[in-house]
Every structure is written in structure tokens, then in C-alpha cells.
Amino acid sequence: MASSSIKSRIGALATELESLSTNIQDETLRKELFEVVNHSANRLQPPIETIWKMIMSPHAPAALMVLIRMGVVIDLVEAGKPKTAKELSTSCGGEEMLIGK
């Protein structure tokens, strides 16, 4: 298959995924879509890239712990829906710019 054909299919797939992700309302379907995308990403990523990603992100557990201690995680769970960084900074007392990162 020609690389231009593959590139075209990738573009169409990206457009379709963008459309699905912004229009999906049902939580069960959102999770199903996420699982399909995650599975596909895992199949495309060679083991060395997975290991490299883990090595280069040692800050993730520490960042998660900060979010837990600030109450951000509980606030999101209780809200039952996504919140903006501004909303989280108001409810949890953190800096909007840092929460957004």
C-alpha cells in the first residue's frame, strides 16, 4: 500500500476520532472508545518506547499525590463531570495555571 494512501487513511481516522470524542455523550460508549484507542496505541508502540516513556515520567506519581492531597481528585469525582482548571483552582485553592499543566 502506498504511503500516501496510508497517510490519507490516518488523516481520516484522526478526523473520525476527533468527531467521536467531542460528540460522545454516553459514558459507557466513551469508555469503549477509549479502550479501543488505547489498545490500538499499545499495539503501535514498541516495548522500548513504553519503557522510555516510563523512565521519562517519574514525576507522574508525585503529581498524582499532590492532586489527591489538594482534594482535586475527590472534587472531580463528586462533580461527576469534567471541570476547567479555573473551576478546580476555585474549589481546591490551587493555582489555575499549575492545575492546567
PDB file of N, CA and C in Angstrom:
ATOM      1  N   MET A   1       0.852  -1.181   0.000  1.00  0.00           N
ATOM      2  CA  MET A   1       0.000   0.000   0.000  1.00  0.00           C
ATOM      3  C   MET A   1       0.897   1.243   0.000  1.00  0.00           C
ATOM      4  N   ALA A   2       0.596   2.188  -0.833  1.00  0.00           N
ATOM      5  CA  ALA A   2       1.401   3.404  -0.943  1.00  0.00           C
ATOM      6  C   ALA A   2       1.302   4.226   0.331  1.00  0.00           C
ATOM      7  N   SER A   3       2.418   4.877   0.681  1.00  0.00           N
ATOM      8  CA  SER A   3       2.435   5.660   1.913  1.00  0.00           C
ATOM      9  C   SER A   3       1.452   6.831   1.869  1.00  0.00           C
ATOM     10  N   SER A   4       1.176   7.371   0.667  1.00  0.00           N
ATOM     11  CA  SER A   4       0.202   8.468   0.577  1.00  0.00           C
ATOM     12  C   SER A   4      -1.205   7.973   0.917  1.00  0.00           C
ATOM     13  N   SER A   5      -1.500   6.721   0.562  1.00  0.00           N
ATOM     14  CA  SER A   5      -2.796   6.133   0.897  1.00  0.00           C
ATOM     15  C   SER A   5      -2.921   5.927   2.409  1.00  0.00           C
ATOM     16  N   ILE A   6      -1.839   5.457   3.012  1.00  0.00           N
ATOM     17  CA  ILE A   6      -1.843   5.267   4.466  1.00  0.00           C
ATOM     18  C   ILE A   6      -1.984   6.614   5.169  1.00  0.00           C
ATOM     19  N   LYS A   7      -1.245   7.611   4.675  1.00  0.00           N
ATOM     20  CA  LYS A   7      -1.323   8.952   5.263  1.00  0.00           C
ATOM     21  C   LYS A   7      -2.752   9.495   5.178  1.00  0.00           C
ATOM     22  N   SER A   8      -3.401   9.258   4.052  1.00  0.00           N
ATOM     23  CA  SER A   8      -4.776   9.699   3.862  1.00  0.00           C
ATOM     24  C   SER A   8      -5.719   9.001   4.848  1.00  0.00           C
ATOM     25  N   ARG A   9      -5.523   7.697   5.034  1.00  0.00           N
ATOM     26  CA  ARG A   9      -6.352   6.933   5.976  1.00  0.00           C
ATOM     27  C   ARG A   9      -6.126   7.384   7.409  1.00  0.00           C
ATOM     28  N   ILE A  10      -4.873   7.703   7.748  1.00  0.00           N
ATOM     29  CA  ILE A  10      -4.565   8.205   9.090  1.00  0.00           C
ATOM     30  C   ILE A  10      -5.289   9.528   9.325  1.00  0.00           C
ATOM     31  N   GLY A  11      -5.261  10.399   8.328  1.00  0.00           N
ATOM     32  CA  GLY A  11      -5.959  11.679   8.436  1.00  0.00           C
ATOM     33  C   GLY A  11      -7.451  11.498   8.632  1.00  0.00           C
ATOM     34  N   ALA A  12      -8.040  10.576   7.867  1.00  0.00           N
ATOM     35  CA  ALA A  12      -9.474  10.297   8.000  1.00  0.00           C
ATOM     36  C   ALA A  12      -9.788   9.716   9.377  1.00  0.00           C
ATOM     37  N   LEU A  13      -8.921   8.832   9.859  1.00  0.00           N
ATOM     38  CA  LEU A  13      -9.112   8.239  11.179  1.00  0.00           C
ATOM     39  C   LEU A  13      -9.024   9.296  12.276  1.00  0.00           C
ATOM     40  N   ALA A  14      -8.050  10.193  12.164  1.00  0.00           N
ATOM     41  CA  ALA A  14      -7.902  11.272  13.143  1.00  0.00           C
ATOM     42  C   ALA A  14      -9.142  12.162  13.169  1.00  0.00           C
ATOM     43  N   THR A  15      -9.671  12.474  12.002  1.00  0.00           N
ATOM     44  CA  THR A  15     -10.884  13.291  11.915  1.00  0.00           C
ATOM     45  C   THR A  15     -12.066  12.572  12.554  1.00  0.00           C
ATOM     46  N   GLU A  16     -12.203  11.285  12.274  1.00  0.00           N
ATOM     47  CA  GLU A  16     -13.305  10.496  12.833  1.00  0.00           C
ATOM     48  C   GLU A  16     -13.190  10.395  14.358  1.00  0.00           C
ATOM     49  N   LEU A  17     -11.977  10.157  14.852  1.00  0.00           N
ATOM     50  CA  LEU A  17     -11.776  10.068  16.306  1.00  0.00           C
ATOM     51  C   LEU A  17     -12.089  11.406  16.980  1.00  0.00           C
ATOM     52  N   GLU A  18     -11.683  12.489  16.356  1.00  0.00           N
ATOM     53  CA  GLU A  18     -11.973  13.821  16.910  1.00  0.00           C
ATOM     54  C   GLU A  18     -13.480  14.037  16.989  1.00  0.00           C
ATOM     55  N   SER A  19     -14.183  13.667  15.934  1.00  0.00           N
ATOM     56  CA  SER A  19     -15.631  13.806  15.902  1.00  0.00           C
ATOM     57  C   SER A  19     -16.286  12.945  16.982  1.00  0.00           C
ATOM     58  N   LEU A  20     -15.861  11.696  17.079  1.00  0.00           N
ATOM     59  CA  LEU A  20     -16.428  10.801  18.096  1.00  0.00           C
ATOM     60  C   LEU A  20     -16.171  11.321  19.510  1.00  0.00           C
ATOM     61  N   SER A  21     -14.946  11.767  19.766  1.00  0.00           N
ATOM     62  CA  SER A  21     -14.591  12.178  21.123  1.00  0.00           C
ATOM     63  C   SER A  21     -15.318  13.443  21.564  1.00  0.00           C
ATOM     64  N   THR A  22     -15.668  14.304  20.633  1.00  0.00           N
ATOM     65  CA  THR A  22     -16.370  15.531  21.024  1.00  0.00           C
ATOM     66  C   THR A  22     -17.890  15.355  21.054  1.00  0.00           C
ATOM     67  N   ASN A  23     -18.403  14.348  20.356  1.00  0.00           N
ATOM     68  CA  ASN A  23     -19.850  14.167  20.276  1.00  0.00           C
ATOM     69  C   ASN A  23     -20.402  13.060  21.166  1.00  0.00           C
ATOM     70  N   ILE A  24     -19.541  12.291  21.788  1.00  0.00           N
ATOM     71  CA  ILE A  24     -19.999  11.150  22.579  1.00  0.00           C
ATOM     72  C   ILE A  24     -20.567  11.628  23.912  1.00  0.00           C
ATOM     73  N   GLN A  25     -21.773  11.201  24.229  1.00  0.00           N
ATOM     74  CA  GLN A  25     -22.451  11.616  25.455  1.00  0.00           C
ATOM     75  C   GLN A  25     -22.564  10.465  26.464  1.00  0.00           C
ATOM     76  N   ASP A  26     -22.653   9.256  25.959  1.00  0.00           N
ATOM     77  CA  ASP A  26     -22.842   8.073  26.794  1.00  0.00           C
ATOM     78  C   ASP A  26     -21.506   7.642  27.399  1.00  0.00           C
ATOM     79  N   GLU A  27     -21.443   7.554  28.725  1.00  0.00           N
ATOM     80  CA  GLU A  27     -20.198   7.216  29.415  1.00  0.00           C
ATOM     81  C   GLU A  27     -19.707   5.823  29.066  1.00  0.00           C
ATOM     82  N   THR A  28     -20.605   4.883  28.899  1.00  0.00           N
ATOM     83  CA  THR A  28     -20.211   3.524  28.537  1.00  0.00           C
ATOM     84  C   THR A  28     -19.557   3.512  27.154  1.00  0.00           C
ATOM     85  N   LEU A  29     -20.145   4.251  26.217  1.00  0.00           N
ATOM     86  CA  LEU A  29     -19.568   4.318  24.873  1.00  0.00           C
ATOM     87  C   LEU A  29     -18.235   5.072  24.879  1.00  0.00           C
ATOM     88  N   ARG A  30     -18.128   6.105  25.708  1.00  0.00           N
ATOM     89  CA  ARG A  30     -16.864   6.839  25.815  1.00  0.00           C
ATOM     90  C   ARG A  30     -15.760   5.910  26.301  1.00  0.00           C
ATOM     91  N   LYS A  31     -16.072   5.095  27.309  1.00  0.00           N
ATOM     92  CA  LYS A  31     -15.080   4.156  27.832  1.00  0.00           C
ATOM     93  C   LYS A  31     -14.710   3.106  26.788  1.00  0.00           C
ATOM     94  N   GLU A  32     -15.697   2.670  26.028  1.00  0.00           N
ATOM     95  CA  GLU A  32     -15.430   1.685  24.973  1.00  0.00           C
ATOM     96  C   GLU A  32     -14.507   2.274  23.905  1.00  0.00           C
ATOM     97  N   LEU A  33     -14.789   3.516  23.503  1.00  0.00           N
ATOM     98  CA  LEU A  33     -13.939   4.189  22.522  1.00  0.00           C
ATOM     99  C   LEU A  33     -12.526   4.351  23.078  1.00  0.00           C
ATOM    100  N   PHE A  34     -12.413   4.750  24.330  1.00  0.00           N
ATOM    101  CA  PHE A  34     -11.106   4.932  24.962  1.00  0.00           C
ATOM    102  C   PHE A  34     -10.330   3.616  24.969  1.00  0.00           C
ATOM    103  N   GLU A  35     -11.015   2.522  25.268  1.00  0.00           N
ATOM    104  CA  GLU A  35     -10.369   1.207  25.296  1.00  0.00           C
ATOM    105  C   GLU A  35      -9.852   0.820  23.909  1.00  0.00           C
ATOM    106  N   VAL A  36     -10.644   1.076  22.880  1.00  0.00           N
ATOM    107  CA  VAL A  36     -10.227   0.761  21.511  1.00  0.00           C
ATOM    108  C   VAL A  36      -9.002   1.591  21.127  1.00  0.00           C
ATOM    109  N   VAL A  37      -9.040   2.876  21.421  1.00  0.00           N
ATOM    110  CA  VAL A  37      -7.920   3.764  21.079  1.00  0.00           C
ATOM    111  C   VAL A  37      -6.673   3.366  21.868  1.00  0.00           C
ATOM    112  N   ASN A  38      -6.839   3.088  23.155  1.00  0.00           N
ATOM    113  CA  ASN A  38      -5.708   2.685  23.990  1.00  0.00           C
ATOM    114  C   ASN A  38      -5.091   1.385  23.490  1.00  0.00           C
ATOM    115  N   HIS A  39      -5.933   0.422  23.161  1.00  0.00           N
ATOM    116  CA  HIS A  39      -5.452  -0.863  22.654  1.00  0.00           C
ATOM    117  C   HIS A  39      -4.663  -0.657  21.357  1.00  0.00           C
ATOM    118  N   SER A  40      -5.191   0.169  20.483  1.00  0.00           N
ATOM    119  CA  SER A  40      -4.511   0.437  19.215  1.00  0.00           C
ATOM    120  C   SER A  40      -3.179   1.138  19.443  1.00  0.00           C
ATOM    121  N   ALA A  41      -3.155   2.104  20.351  1.00  0.00           N
ATOM    122  CA  ALA A  41      -1.905   2.802  20.661  1.00  0.00           C
ATOM    123  C   ALA A  41      -0.874   1.837  21.230  1.00  0.00           C
ATOM    124  N   ASN A  42      -1.313   0.942  22.095  1.00  0.00           N
ATOM    125  CA  ASN A  42      -0.391  -0.038  22.679  1.00  0.00           C
ATOM    126  C   ASN A  42       0.184  -0.982  21.624  1.00  0.00           C
ATOM    127  N   ARG A  43      -0.618  -1.322  20.632  1.00  0.00           N
ATOM    128  CA  ARG A  43      -0.135  -2.210  19.559  1.00  0.00           C
ATOM    129  C   ARG A  43       0.876  -1.499  18.675  1.00  0.00           C
ATOM    130  N   LEU A  44       0.768  -0.191  18.552  1.00  0.00           N
ATOM    131  CA  LEU A  44       1.683   0.572  17.709  1.00  0.00           C
ATOM    132  C   LEU A  44       2.989   0.922  18.413  1.00  0.00           C
ATOM    133  N   GLN A  45       2.982   0.936  19.730  1.00  0.00           N
ATOM    134  CA  GLN A  45       4.159   1.381  20.481  1.00  0.00           C
ATOM    135  C   GLN A  45       5.086   0.203  20.795  1.00  0.00           C
ATOM    136  N   PRO A  46       6.313   0.248  20.292  1.00  0.00           N
ATOM    137  CA  PRO A  46       7.246  -0.835  20.597  1.00  0.00           C
ATOM    138  C   PRO A  46       7.631  -0.814  22.079  1.00  0.00           C
ATOM    139  N   PRO A  47       8.008  -1.967  22.622  1.00  0.00           N
ATOM    140  CA  PRO A  47       8.341  -2.043  24.047  1.00  0.00           C
ATOM    141  C   PRO A  47       9.370  -1.012  24.503  1.00  0.00           C
ATOM    142  N   ILE A  48      10.367  -0.732  23.686  1.00  0.00           N
ATOM    143  CA  ILE A  48      11.405   0.223  24.101  1.00  0.00           C
ATOM    144  C   ILE A  48      10.819   1.619  24.299  1.00  0.00           C
ATOM    145  N   GLU A  49       9.833   1.989  23.491  1.00  0.00           N
ATOM    146  CA  GLU A  49       9.183   3.297  23.666  1.00  0.00           C
ATOM    147  C   GLU A  49       8.355   3.320  24.944  1.00  0.00           C
ATOM    148  N   THR A  50       7.710   2.210  25.268  1.00  0.00           N
ATOM    149  CA  THR A  50       6.942   2.118  26.510  1.00  0.00           C
ATOM    150  C   THR A  50       7.865   2.285  27.704  1.00  0.00           C
ATOM    151  N   ILE A  51       8.999   1.591  27.669  1.00  0.00           N
ATOM    152  CA  ILE A  51       9.972   1.699  28.763  1.00  0.00           C
ATOM    153  C   ILE A  51      10.518   3.120  28.859  1.00  0.00           C
ATOM    154  N   TRP A  52      10.856   3.713  27.728  1.00  0.00           N
ATOM    155  CA  TRP A  52      11.381   5.074  27.714  1.00  0.00           C
ATOM    156  C   TRP A  52      10.367   6.062  28.303  1.00  0.00           C
ATOM    157  N   LYS A  53       9.122   5.881  27.947  1.00  0.00           N
ATOM    158  CA  LYS A  53       8.052   6.748  28.467  1.00  0.00           C
ATOM    159  C   LYS A  53       7.973   6.638  29.991  1.00  0.00           C
ATOM    160  N   MET A  54       8.088   5.424  30.502  1.00  0.00           N
ATOM    161  CA  MET A  54       8.038   5.217  31.950  1.00  0.00           C
ATOM    162  C   MET A  54       9.252   5.863  32.635  1.00  0.00           C
ATOM    163  N   ILE A  55      10.411   5.720  32.036  1.00  0.00           N
ATOM    164  CA  ILE A  55      11.624   6.299  32.607  1.00  0.00           C
ATOM    165  C   ILE A  55      11.545   7.822  32.629  1.00  0.00           C
ATOM    166  N   MET A  56      10.997   8.389  31.574  1.00  0.00           N
ATOM    167  CA  MET A  56      10.960   9.850  31.437  1.00  0.00           C
ATOM    168  C   MET A  56       9.790  10.504  32.170  1.00  0.00           C
ATOM    169  N   SER A  57       8.951   9.724  32.828  1.00  0.00           N
ATOM    170  CA  SER A  57       7.837  10.339  33.542  1.00  0.00           C
ATOM    171  C   SER A  57       7.799   9.921  35.016  1.00  0.00           C
ATOM    172  N   PRO A  58       8.919  10.051  35.728  1.00  0.00           N
ATOM    173  CA  PRO A  58       8.921   9.669  37.137  1.00  0.00           C
ATOM    174  C   PRO A  58       8.113  10.629  38.008  1.00  0.00           C
ATOM    175  N   HIS A  59       7.799  11.780  37.464  1.00  0.00           N
ATOM    176  CA  HIS A  59       7.052  12.781  38.225  1.00  0.00           C
ATOM    177  C   HIS A  59       5.555  12.482  38.305  1.00  0.00           C
ATOM    178  N   ALA A  60       5.050  11.592  37.469  1.00  0.00           N
ATOM    179  CA  ALA A  60       3.611  11.326  37.423  1.00  0.00           C
ATOM    180  C   ALA A  60       3.038  10.877  38.767  1.00  0.00           C
ATOM    181  N   PRO A  61       3.653   9.905  39.476  1.00  0.00           N
ATOM    182  CA  PRO A  61       3.093   9.515  40.778  1.00  0.00           C
ATOM    183  C   PRO A  61       3.113  10.661  41.793  1.00  0.00           C
ATOM    184  N   ALA A  62       4.163  11.473  41.763  1.00  0.00           N
ATOM    185  CA  ALA A  62       4.242  12.612  42.684  1.00  0.00           C
ATOM    186  C   ALA A  62       3.161  13.645  42.358  1.00  0.00           C
ATOM    187  N   ALA A  63       2.941  13.893  41.079  1.00  0.00           N
ATOM    188  CA  ALA A  63       1.905  14.842  40.668  1.00  0.00           C
ATOM    189  C   ALA A  63       0.526  14.342  41.071  1.00  0.00           C
ATOM    190  N   LEU A  64       0.298  13.056  40.907  1.00  0.00           N
ATOM    191  CA  LEU A  64      -0.983  12.473  41.316  1.00  0.00           C
ATOM    192  C   LEU A  64      -1.182  12.617  42.818  1.00  0.00           C
ATOM    193  N   MET A  65      -0.123  12.398  43.585  1.00  0.00           N
ATOM    194  CA  MET A  65      -0.223  12.531  45.035  1.00  0.00           C
ATOM    195  C   MET A  65      -0.584  13.962  45.434  1.00  0.00           C
ATOM    196  N   VAL A  66      -0.013  14.934  44.759  1.00  0.00           N
ATOM    197  CA  VAL A  66      -0.342  16.343  45.030  1.00  0.00           C
ATOM    198  C   VAL A  66      -1.818  16.591  44.739  1.00  0.00           C
ATOM    199  N   LEU A  67      -2.308  16.084  43.611  1.00  0.00           N
ATOM    200  CA  LEU A  67      -3.722  16.255  43.258  1.00  0.00           C
ATOM    201  C   LEU A  67      -4.633  15.617  44.303  1.00  0.00           C
ATOM    202  N   ILE A  68      -4.251  14.457  44.797  1.00  0.00           N
ATOM    203  CA  ILE A  68      -5.041  13.783  45.840  1.00  0.00           C
ATOM    204  C   ILE A  68      -5.046  14.614  47.110  1.00  0.00           C
ATOM    205  N   ARG A  69      -3.879  15.062  47.537  1.00  0.00           N
ATOM    206  CA  ARG A  69      -3.775  15.838  48.787  1.00  0.00           C
ATOM    207  C   ARG A  69      -4.487  17.185  48.706  1.00  0.00           C
ATOM    208  N   MET A  70      -4.530  17.771  47.526  1.00  0.00           N
ATOM    209  CA  MET A  70      -5.223  19.052  47.355  1.00  0.00           C
ATOM    210  C   MET A  70      -6.736  18.882  47.297  1.00  0.00           C
ATOM    211  N   GLY A  71      -7.192  17.660  47.103  1.00  0.00           N
ATOM    212  CA  GLY A  71      -8.630  17.422  47.010  1.00  0.00           C
ATOM    213  C   GLY A  71      -9.177  17.506  45.599  1.00  0.00           C
ATOM    214  N   VAL A  72      -8.294  17.636  44.619  1.00  0.00           N
ATOM    215  CA  VAL A  72      -8.730  17.769  43.229  1.00  0.00           C
ATOM    216  C   VAL A  72      -9.430  16.491  42.758  1.00  0.00           C
ATOM    217  N   VAL A  73      -8.873  15.341  43.092  1.00  0.00           N
ATOM    218  CA  VAL A  73      -9.447  14.075  42.640  1.00  0.00           C
ATOM    219  C   VAL A  73     -10.844  13.882  43.219  1.00  0.00           C
ATOM    220  N   ILE A  74     -10.993  14.124  44.512  1.00  0.00           N
ATOM    221  CA  ILE A  74     -12.310  13.986  45.153  1.00  0.00           C
ATOM    222  C   ILE A  74     -13.292  14.982  44.553  1.00  0.00           C
ATOM    223  N   ASP A  75     -12.827  16.197  44.317  1.00  0.00           N
ATOM    224  CA  ASP A  75     -13.686  17.229  43.729  1.00  0.00           C
ATOM    225  C   ASP A  75     -14.194  16.794  42.353  1.00  0.00           C
ATOM    226  N   LEU A  76     -13.325  16.215  41.541  1.00  0.00           N
ATOM    227  CA  LEU A  76     -13.733  15.743  40.212  1.00  0.00           C
ATOM    228  C   LEU A  76     -14.720  14.587  40.310  1.00  0.00           C
ATOM    229  N   VAL A  77     -14.461  13.669  41.224  1.00  0.00           N
ATOM    230  CA  VAL A  77     -15.363  12.520  41.395  1.00  0.00           C
ATOM    231  C   VAL A  77     -16.732  12.995  41.852  1.00  0.00           C
ATOM    232  N   GLU A  78     -16.760  13.893  42.822  1.00  0.00           N
ATOM    233  CA  GLU A  78     -18.038  14.396  43.336  1.00  0.00           C
ATOM    234  C   GLU A  78     -18.800  15.189  42.288  1.00  0.00           C
ATOM    235  N   ALA A  79     -18.071  15.909  41.428  1.00  0.00           N
ATOM    236  CA  ALA A  79     -18.731  16.692  40.375  1.00  0.00           C
ATOM    237  C   ALA A  79     -19.358  15.764  39.336  1.00  0.00           C
ATOM    238  N   GLY A  80     -18.725  14.626  39.099  1.00  0.00           N
ATOM    239  CA  GLY A  80     -19.264  13.673  38.129  1.00  0.00           C
ATOM    240  C   GLY A  80     -19.149  14.128  36.693  1.00  0.00           C
ATOM    241  N   LYS A  81     -18.351  15.153  36.454  1.00  0.00           N
ATOM    242  CA  LYS A  81     -18.159  15.664  35.096  1.00  0.00           C
ATOM    243  C   LYS A  81     -16.822  16.404  35.048  1.00  0.00           C
ATOM    244  N   PRO A  82     -16.298  16.624  33.861  1.00  0.00           N
ATOM    245  CA  PRO A  82     -15.038  17.368  33.751  1.00  0.00           C
ATOM    246  C   PRO A  82     -15.195  18.796  34.275  1.00  0.00           C
ATOM    247  N   LYS A  83     -14.101  19.344  34.790  1.00  0.00           N
ATOM    248  CA  LYS A  83     -14.087  20.729  35.259  1.00  0.00           C
ATOM    249  C   LYS A  83     -12.906  21.445  34.628  1.00  0.00           C
ATOM    250  N   THR A  84     -13.035  22.740  34.501  1.00  0.00           N
ATOM    251  CA  THR A  84     -11.921  23.529  33.969  1.00  0.00           C
ATOM    252  C   THR A  84     -10.885  23.735  35.067  1.00  0.00           C
ATOM    253  N   ALA A  85      -9.681  24.129  34.670  1.00  0.00           N
ATOM    254  CA  ALA A  85      -8.629  24.426  35.640  1.00  0.00           C
ATOM    255  C   ALA A  85      -9.063  25.570  36.562  1.00  0.00           C
ATOM    256  N   LYS A  86      -9.793  26.524  36.018  1.00  0.00           N
ATOM    257  CA  LYS A  86     -10.274  27.645  36.829  1.00  0.00           C
ATOM    258  C   LYS A  86     -11.245  27.161  37.905  1.00  0.00           C
ATOM    259  N   GLU A  87     -12.176  26.283  37.526  1.00  0.00           N
ATOM    260  CA  GLU A  87     -13.131  25.736  38.500  1.00  0.00           C
ATOM    261  C   GLU A  87     -12.412  24.949  39.589  1.00  0.00           C
ATOM    262  N   LEU A  88     -11.420  24.166  39.191  1.00  0.00           N
ATOM    263  CA  LEU A  88     -10.663  23.380  40.174  1.00  0.00           C
ATOM    264  C   LEU A  88      -9.845  24.276  41.092  1.00  0.00           C
ATOM    265  N   SER A  89      -9.257  25.332  40.548  1.00  0.00           N
ATOM    266  CA  SER A  89      -8.467  26.224  41.390  1.00  0.00           C
ATOM    267  C   SER A  89      -9.354  26.928  42.412  1.00  0.00           C
ATOM    268  N   THR A  90     -10.567  27.251  42.033  1.00  0.00           N
ATOM    269  CA  THR A  90     -11.508  27.883  42.959  1.00  0.00           C
ATOM    270  C   THR A  90     -11.921  26.917  44.059  1.00  0.00           C
ATOM    271  N   SER A  91     -12.234  25.691  43.701  1.00  0.00           N
ATOM    272  CA  SER A  91     -12.721  24.737  44.696  1.00  0.00           C
ATOM    273  C   SER A  91     -11.614  24.128  45.553  1.00  0.00           C
ATOM    274  N   CYS A  92     -10.389  24.073  45.037  1.00  0.00           N
ATOM    275  CA  CYS A  92      -9.312  23.399  45.779  1.00  0.00           C
ATOM    276  C   CYS A  92      -8.208  24.339  46.265  1.00  0.00           C
ATOM    277  N   GLY A  93      -8.244  25.576  45.812  1.00  0.00           N
ATOM    278  CA  GLY A  93      -7.266  26.544  46.287  1.00  0.00           C
ATOM    279  C   GLY A  93      -5.920  26.501  45.596  1.00  0.00           C
ATOM    280  N   GLY A  94      -5.806  25.788  44.499  1.00  0.00           N
ATOM    281  CA  GLY A  94      -4.537  25.728  43.779  1.00  0.00           C
ATOM    282  C   GLY A  94      -4.452  26.817  42.715  1.00  0.00           C
ATOM    283  N   GLU A  95      -3.284  26.963  42.136  1.00  0.00           N
ATOM    284  CA  GLU A  95      -3.085  27.935  41.072  1.00  0.00           C
ATOM    285  C   GLU A  95      -3.647  27.393  39.767  1.00  0.00           C
ATOM    286  N   GLU A  96      -4.479  28.172  39.109  1.00  0.00           N
ATOM    287  CA  GLU A  96      -5.122  27.726  37.876  1.00  0.00           C
ATOM    288  C   GLU A  96      -4.091  27.274  36.836  1.00  0.00           C
ATOM    289  N   MET A  97      -3.019  28.032  36.641  1.00  0.00           N
ATOM    290  CA  MET A  97      -2.019  27.707  35.648  1.00  0.00           C
ATOM    291  C   MET A  97      -1.356  26.352  35.963  1.00  0.00           C
ATOM    292  N   LEU A  98      -1.056  26.102  37.225  1.00  0.00           N
ATOM    293  CA  LEU A  98      -0.395  24.855  37.589  1.00  0.00           C
ATOM    294  C   LEU A  98      -1.327  23.663  37.487  1.00  0.00           C
ATOM    295  N   ILE A  99      -2.599  23.865  37.850  1.00  0.00           N
ATOM    296  CA  ILE A  99      -3.571  22.763  37.734  1.00  0.00           C
ATOM    297  C   ILE A  99      -3.748  22.418  36.257  1.00  0.00           C
ATOM    298  N   GLY A 100      -3.741  23.398  35.398  1.00  0.00           N
ATOM    299  CA  GLY A 100      -3.896  23.176  33.959  1.00  0.00           C
ATOM    300  C   GLY A 100      -2.778  22.382  33.348  1.00  0.00           C
ATOM    301  N   LYS A 101      -1.628  22.432  33.943  1.00  0.00           N
ATOM    302  CA  LYS A 101      -0.473  21.689  33.416  1.00  0.00           C
ATOM    303  C   LYS A 101      -0.632  20.236  33.756  1.00  0.00           C
TER     304      LYS A 101
END
